[in-house]
Amino acid sequence: MNTTTLTALAEPNRLHIIELIRDRGPLTIGDIANRLELNQPQTSKHVRVLHEAGLVEVQPAANRRIIKLRTEPFQELDHWIESFRSMWDDRLDRLDEYLRDIQGRDSSE
């Protein structure tokens, strides 16, 4: 798991950019800035960080830049999170068994 991904997503504006592109599809810097009420230089800096982290692609189109998500880093993040899911599933299963044991003891008294 690449910590650069988490670092890039930790900043709220960058996370909002990712969510916006996820929901709306590829957007220009201007579209992102307008929808999130950010100025264009600020948006460009955030997009640059996301691009350097490998989370987005920047495709030139005439005098605009189209920003779209790359799927690979999010698949990698999902696999990393999955390793924690299985750990928590095991712990929750043991908690469920424990609670059933306690309830069984209480009802037999």
N, C-alpha and C. Protein backbone atom coordinates (compact mmCIF):
# COMPACT_ATOMS: atom_id res chain seq x y z
N MET A 1 0.84 -1.17 0.00
CA MET A 1 0.00 0.00 0.00
C MET A 1 0.90 1.24 0.00
N ASN A 2 0.66 2.11 -0.91
CA ASN A 2 1.47 3.31 -1.08
C ASN A 2 0.96 4.42 -0.14
N THR A 3 1.82 4.87 0.78
CA THR A 3 1.40 5.91 1.72
C THR A 3 1.15 7.24 1.03
N THR A 4 1.71 7.42 -0.17
CA THR A 4 1.47 8.65 -0.93
C THR A 4 -0.02 8.81 -1.24
N THR A 5 -0.68 7.69 -1.50
CA THR A 5 -2.13 7.71 -1.77
C THR A 5 -2.88 8.27 -0.57
N LEU A 6 -2.59 7.73 0.61
CA LEU A 6 -3.29 8.19 1.81
C LEU A 6 -2.96 9.64 2.13
N THR A 7 -1.72 10.01 1.95
CA THR A 7 -1.32 11.40 2.20
C THR A 7 -2.06 12.35 1.27
N ALA A 8 -2.16 11.99 0.00
CA ALA A 8 -2.87 12.85 -0.96
C ALA A 8 -4.34 12.95 -0.62
N LEU A 9 -4.95 11.85 -0.19
CA LEU A 9 -6.39 11.84 0.11
C LEU A 9 -6.72 12.45 1.48
N ALA A 10 -5.71 12.64 2.32
CA ALA A 10 -5.94 13.17 3.66
C ALA A 10 -6.36 14.64 3.65
N GLU A 11 -6.00 15.36 2.61
CA GLU A 11 -6.36 16.78 2.52
C GLU A 11 -7.80 16.87 2.01
N PRO A 12 -8.69 17.54 2.75
CA PRO A 12 -10.12 17.55 2.40
C PRO A 12 -10.44 18.02 0.98
N ASN A 13 -9.79 19.07 0.49
CA ASN A 13 -10.10 19.53 -0.86
C ASN A 13 -9.74 18.49 -1.91
N ARG A 14 -8.63 17.79 -1.71
CA ARG A 14 -8.23 16.76 -2.67
C ARG A 14 -9.20 15.58 -2.62
N LEU A 15 -9.64 15.22 -1.43
CA LEU A 15 -10.64 14.16 -1.31
C LEU A 15 -11.93 14.57 -2.01
N HIS A 16 -12.33 15.83 -1.85
CA HIS A 16 -13.55 16.33 -2.52
C HIS A 16 -13.38 16.28 -4.04
N ILE A 17 -12.19 16.58 -4.53
CA ILE A 17 -11.94 16.52 -5.97
C ILE A 17 -12.11 15.08 -6.46
N ILE A 18 -11.55 14.13 -5.73
CA ILE A 18 -11.67 12.72 -6.10
C ILE A 18 -13.14 12.30 -6.11
N GLU A 19 -13.87 12.67 -5.07
CA GLU A 19 -15.29 12.30 -4.98
C GLU A 19 -16.10 12.94 -6.11
N LEU A 20 -15.78 14.18 -6.43
CA LEU A 20 -16.48 14.89 -7.51
C LEU A 20 -16.25 14.19 -8.85
N ILE A 21 -15.01 13.84 -9.13
CA ILE A 21 -14.71 13.15 -10.39
C ILE A 21 -15.34 11.75 -10.39
N ARG A 22 -15.33 11.10 -9.24
CA ARG A 22 -15.97 9.78 -9.14
C ARG A 22 -17.45 9.87 -9.50
N ASP A 23 -18.11 10.90 -8.98
CA ASP A 23 -19.56 11.05 -9.17
C ASP A 23 -19.93 11.61 -10.54
N ARG A 24 -19.12 12.52 -11.07
CA ARG A 24 -19.47 13.24 -12.30
C ARG A 24 -18.72 12.76 -13.54
N GLY A 25 -17.62 12.03 -13.34
CA GLY A 25 -16.80 11.64 -14.48
C GLY A 25 -15.72 12.68 -14.72
N PRO A 26 -14.95 12.52 -15.80
CA PRO A 26 -13.85 13.44 -16.08
C PRO A 26 -14.32 14.90 -16.15
N LEU A 27 -13.52 15.78 -15.56
CA LEU A 27 -13.85 17.21 -15.51
C LEU A 27 -12.61 18.04 -15.80
N THR A 28 -12.84 19.27 -16.21
CA THR A 28 -11.72 20.20 -16.40
C THR A 28 -11.38 20.83 -15.05
N ILE A 29 -10.20 21.44 -15.00
CA ILE A 29 -9.79 22.18 -13.79
C ILE A 29 -10.84 23.25 -13.47
N GLY A 30 -11.31 23.97 -14.48
CA GLY A 30 -12.31 25.01 -14.28
C GLY A 30 -13.61 24.46 -13.71
N ASP A 31 -14.06 23.31 -14.23
CA ASP A 31 -15.28 22.69 -13.70
C ASP A 31 -15.12 22.32 -12.23
N ILE A 32 -13.97 21.73 -11.91
CA ILE A 32 -13.71 21.34 -10.52
C ILE A 32 -13.69 22.57 -9.63
N ALA A 33 -12.98 23.60 -10.05
CA ALA A 33 -12.88 24.83 -9.26
C ALA A 33 -14.27 25.43 -9.03
N ASN A 34 -15.08 25.49 -10.07
CA ASN A 34 -16.42 26.07 -9.93
C ASN A 34 -17.30 25.26 -9.00
N ARG A 35 -17.31 23.96 -9.18
CA ARG A 35 -18.19 23.10 -8.38
C ARG A 35 -17.78 23.08 -6.90
N LEU A 36 -16.49 23.17 -6.63
CA LEU A 36 -16.01 23.14 -5.25
C LEU A 36 -15.75 24.53 -4.67
N GLU A 37 -16.03 25.55 -5.48
CA GLU A 37 -15.84 26.94 -5.06
C GLU A 37 -14.40 27.20 -4.60
N LEU A 38 -13.45 26.73 -5.42
CA LEU A 38 -12.03 26.98 -5.19
C LEU A 38 -11.52 27.86 -6.32
N ASN A 39 -10.41 28.55 -6.12
CA ASN A 39 -9.84 29.29 -7.25
C ASN A 39 -9.04 28.32 -8.12
N GLN A 40 -8.83 28.69 -9.38
CA GLN A 40 -8.18 27.77 -10.30
C GLN A 40 -6.74 27.44 -9.93
N PRO A 41 -5.92 28.42 -9.49
CA PRO A 41 -4.55 28.06 -9.09
C PRO A 41 -4.53 27.05 -7.94
N GLN A 42 -5.41 27.24 -6.98
CA GLN A 42 -5.49 26.32 -5.84
C GLN A 42 -5.92 24.93 -6.33
N THR A 43 -6.90 24.89 -7.22
CA THR A 43 -7.37 23.62 -7.77
C THR A 43 -6.25 22.94 -8.54
N SER A 44 -5.52 23.70 -9.34
CA SER A 44 -4.41 23.14 -10.11
C SER A 44 -3.35 22.52 -9.20
N LYS A 45 -3.06 23.16 -8.07
CA LYS A 45 -2.07 22.62 -7.13
C LYS A 45 -2.56 21.29 -6.54
N HIS A 46 -3.84 21.25 -6.17
CA HIS A 46 -4.40 20.00 -5.63
C HIS A 46 -4.38 18.90 -6.67
N VAL A 47 -4.74 19.23 -7.90
CA VAL A 47 -4.73 18.24 -8.98
C VAL A 47 -3.31 17.76 -9.24
N ARG A 48 -2.34 18.64 -9.16
CA ARG A 48 -0.94 18.25 -9.35
C ARG A 48 -0.53 17.21 -8.30
N VAL A 49 -0.90 17.44 -7.05
CA VAL A 49 -0.58 16.48 -5.98
C VAL A 49 -1.25 15.13 -6.26
N LEU A 50 -2.52 15.18 -6.67
CA LEU A 50 -3.24 13.94 -6.99
C LEU A 50 -2.61 13.22 -8.18
N HIS A 51 -2.15 13.99 -9.14
CA HIS A 51 -1.49 13.41 -10.31
C HIS A 51 -0.15 12.78 -9.92
N GLU A 52 0.63 13.48 -9.12
CA GLU A 52 1.92 12.95 -8.68
C GLU A 52 1.75 11.70 -7.82
N ALA A 53 0.63 11.60 -7.11
CA ALA A 53 0.34 10.41 -6.32
C ALA A 53 -0.20 9.27 -7.18
N GLY A 54 -0.47 9.56 -8.45
CA GLY A 54 -0.96 8.53 -9.37
C GLY A 54 -2.45 8.30 -9.32
N LEU A 55 -3.18 9.19 -8.65
CA LEU A 55 -4.62 9.00 -8.47
C LEU A 55 -5.45 9.49 -9.65
N VAL A 56 -4.93 10.47 -10.39
CA VAL A 56 -5.66 11.01 -11.53
C VAL A 56 -4.75 11.09 -12.75
N GLU A 57 -5.38 11.10 -13.91
CA GLU A 57 -4.70 11.37 -15.17
C GLU A 57 -5.08 12.77 -15.61
N VAL A 58 -4.16 13.47 -16.21
CA VAL A 58 -4.42 14.79 -16.75
C VAL A 58 -4.21 14.70 -18.26
N GLN A 59 -5.29 14.92 -19.00
CA GLN A 59 -5.23 14.83 -20.46
C GLN A 59 -5.45 16.21 -21.07
N PRO A 60 -4.47 16.70 -21.80
CA PRO A 60 -4.66 17.99 -22.46
C PRO A 60 -5.70 17.89 -23.58
N ALA A 61 -6.54 18.90 -23.66
CA ALA A 61 -7.55 18.98 -24.72
C ALA A 61 -7.65 20.45 -25.12
N ALA A 62 -6.99 20.80 -26.22
CA ALA A 62 -6.89 22.20 -26.66
C ALA A 62 -6.24 23.00 -25.54
N ASN A 63 -6.92 24.02 -25.03
CA ASN A 63 -6.33 24.85 -23.97
C ASN A 63 -6.83 24.44 -22.58
N ARG A 64 -7.48 23.30 -22.48
CA ARG A 64 -7.99 22.81 -21.20
C ARG A 64 -7.29 21.52 -20.81
N ARG A 65 -7.41 21.17 -19.56
CA ARG A 65 -6.90 19.90 -19.08
C ARG A 65 -8.06 19.11 -18.48
N ILE A 66 -8.24 17.90 -18.97
CA ILE A 66 -9.31 17.03 -18.48
C ILE A 66 -8.72 16.11 -17.41
N ILE A 67 -9.38 16.06 -16.27
CA ILE A 67 -8.91 15.27 -15.14
C ILE A 67 -9.82 14.06 -14.99
N LYS A 68 -9.22 12.87 -14.95
CA LYS A 68 -10.02 11.66 -14.73
C LYS A 68 -9.30 10.74 -13.75
N LEU A 69 -10.08 9.91 -13.08
CA LEU A 69 -9.52 9.00 -12.08
C LEU A 69 -8.78 7.84 -12.74
N ARG A 70 -7.74 7.40 -12.06
CA ARG A 70 -7.06 6.15 -12.41
C ARG A 70 -7.58 5.09 -11.44
N THR A 71 -7.92 3.93 -11.93
CA THR A 71 -8.53 2.90 -11.07
C THR A 71 -7.51 2.12 -10.24
N GLU A 72 -6.30 1.96 -10.75
CA GLU A 72 -5.33 1.09 -10.10
C GLU A 72 -5.05 1.46 -8.64
N PRO A 73 -4.80 2.74 -8.32
CA PRO A 73 -4.50 3.05 -6.91
C PRO A 73 -5.68 2.76 -5.98
N PHE A 74 -6.89 2.88 -6.49
CA PHE A 74 -8.06 2.62 -5.66
C PHE A 74 -8.28 1.12 -5.48
N GLN A 75 -7.91 0.33 -6.47
CA GLN A 75 -7.96 -1.12 -6.32
C GLN A 75 -6.94 -1.56 -5.28
N GLU A 76 -5.75 -0.96 -5.34
CA GLU A 76 -4.71 -1.26 -4.36
C GLU A 76 -5.17 -0.88 -2.95
N LEU A 77 -5.80 0.26 -2.82
CA LEU A 77 -6.33 0.71 -1.53
C LEU A 77 -7.41 -0.25 -1.03
N ASP A 78 -8.27 -0.70 -1.93
CA ASP A 78 -9.33 -1.65 -1.56
C ASP A 78 -8.73 -2.96 -1.05
N HIS A 79 -7.67 -3.47 -1.70
CA HIS A 79 -7.02 -4.70 -1.25
C HIS A 79 -6.42 -4.51 0.14
N TRP A 80 -5.82 -3.35 0.36
CA TRP A 80 -5.22 -3.07 1.66
C TRP A 80 -6.30 -3.03 2.75
N ILE A 81 -7.40 -2.36 2.46
CA ILE A 81 -8.51 -2.27 3.42
C ILE A 81 -9.10 -3.65 3.68
N GLU A 82 -9.18 -4.47 2.63
CA GLU A 82 -9.72 -5.82 2.76
C GLU A 82 -8.96 -6.64 3.81
N SER A 83 -7.65 -6.42 3.91
CA SER A 83 -6.88 -7.16 4.91
C SER A 83 -7.33 -6.82 6.32
N PHE A 84 -7.80 -5.62 6.53
CA PHE A 84 -8.33 -5.23 7.84
C PHE A 84 -9.75 -5.75 8.04
N ARG A 85 -10.51 -5.84 6.95
CA ARG A 85 -11.88 -6.35 7.05
C ARG A 85 -11.89 -7.77 7.60
N SER A 86 -11.03 -8.62 7.07
CA SER A 86 -11.02 -10.01 7.53
C SER A 86 -10.63 -10.09 9.01
N MET A 87 -9.70 -9.24 9.45
CA MET A 87 -9.32 -9.22 10.85
C MET A 87 -10.52 -8.82 11.72
N TRP A 88 -11.23 -7.77 11.30
CA TRP A 88 -12.38 -7.31 12.08
C TRP A 88 -13.53 -8.30 12.03
N ASP A 89 -13.72 -8.98 10.90
CA ASP A 89 -14.76 -10.01 10.82
C ASP A 89 -14.49 -11.11 11.83
N ASP A 90 -13.23 -11.54 11.94
CA ASP A 90 -12.87 -12.58 12.93
C ASP A 90 -13.16 -12.09 14.35
N ARG A 91 -12.77 -10.86 14.64
CA ARG A 91 -12.99 -10.33 15.99
C ARG A 91 -14.48 -10.17 16.29
N LEU A 92 -15.24 -9.72 15.31
CA LEU A 92 -16.68 -9.56 15.52
C LEU A 92 -17.37 -10.92 15.67
N ASP A 93 -16.89 -11.92 14.96
CA ASP A 93 -17.44 -13.27 15.12
C ASP A 93 -17.19 -13.79 16.53
N ARG A 94 -15.97 -13.55 17.05
CA ARG A 94 -15.66 -13.99 18.42
C ARG A 94 -16.50 -13.22 19.43
N LEU A 95 -16.73 -11.93 19.19
CA LEU A 95 -17.57 -11.13 20.09
C LEU A 95 -18.99 -11.66 20.06
N ASP A 96 -19.49 -12.00 18.89
CA ASP A 96 -20.84 -12.55 18.76
C ASP A 96 -20.97 -13.86 19.55
N GLU A 97 -19.95 -14.74 19.43
CA GLU A 97 -19.97 -15.99 20.19
C GLU A 97 -19.95 -15.71 21.69
N TYR A 98 -19.14 -14.76 22.11
CA TYR A 98 -19.05 -14.41 23.53
C TYR A 98 -20.39 -13.89 24.05
N LEU A 99 -21.02 -13.02 23.29
CA LEU A 99 -22.31 -12.47 23.72
C LEU A 99 -23.39 -13.56 23.78
N ARG A 100 -23.35 -14.50 22.86
CA ARG A 100 -24.31 -15.62 22.91
C ARG A 100 -24.06 -16.47 24.16
N ASP A 101 -22.78 -16.70 24.48
CA ASP A 101 -22.46 -17.46 25.70
C ASP A 101 -23.01 -16.76 26.93
N ILE A 102 -22.80 -15.45 27.01
CA ILE A 102 -23.29 -14.68 28.17
C ILE A 102 -24.81 -14.74 28.25
N GLN A 103 -25.47 -14.55 27.11
CA GLN A 103 -26.94 -14.59 27.10
C GLN A 103 -27.44 -15.98 27.49
N GLY A 104 -26.72 -17.01 27.05
CA GLY A 104 -27.11 -18.38 27.40
C GLY A 104 -26.97 -18.62 28.89
N ARG A 105 -25.92 -18.09 29.49
CA ARG A 105 -25.71 -18.23 30.93
C ARG A 105 -26.78 -17.48 31.70
N ASP A 106 -27.11 -16.24 31.24
CA ASP A 106 -28.12 -15.44 31.92
C ASP A 106 -29.49 -16.09 31.86
N SER A 107 -29.84 -16.71 30.76
CA SER A 107 -31.17 -17.30 30.63
C SER A 107 -31.30 -18.62 31.38
N SER A 108 -30.16 -19.28 31.67
CA SER A 108 -30.21 -20.55 32.40
C SER A 108 -30.19 -20.34 33.90
N GLU A 109 -29.97 -19.14 34.35
CA GLU A 109 -29.92 -18.88 35.81
C GLU A 109 -31.27 -18.68 36.40
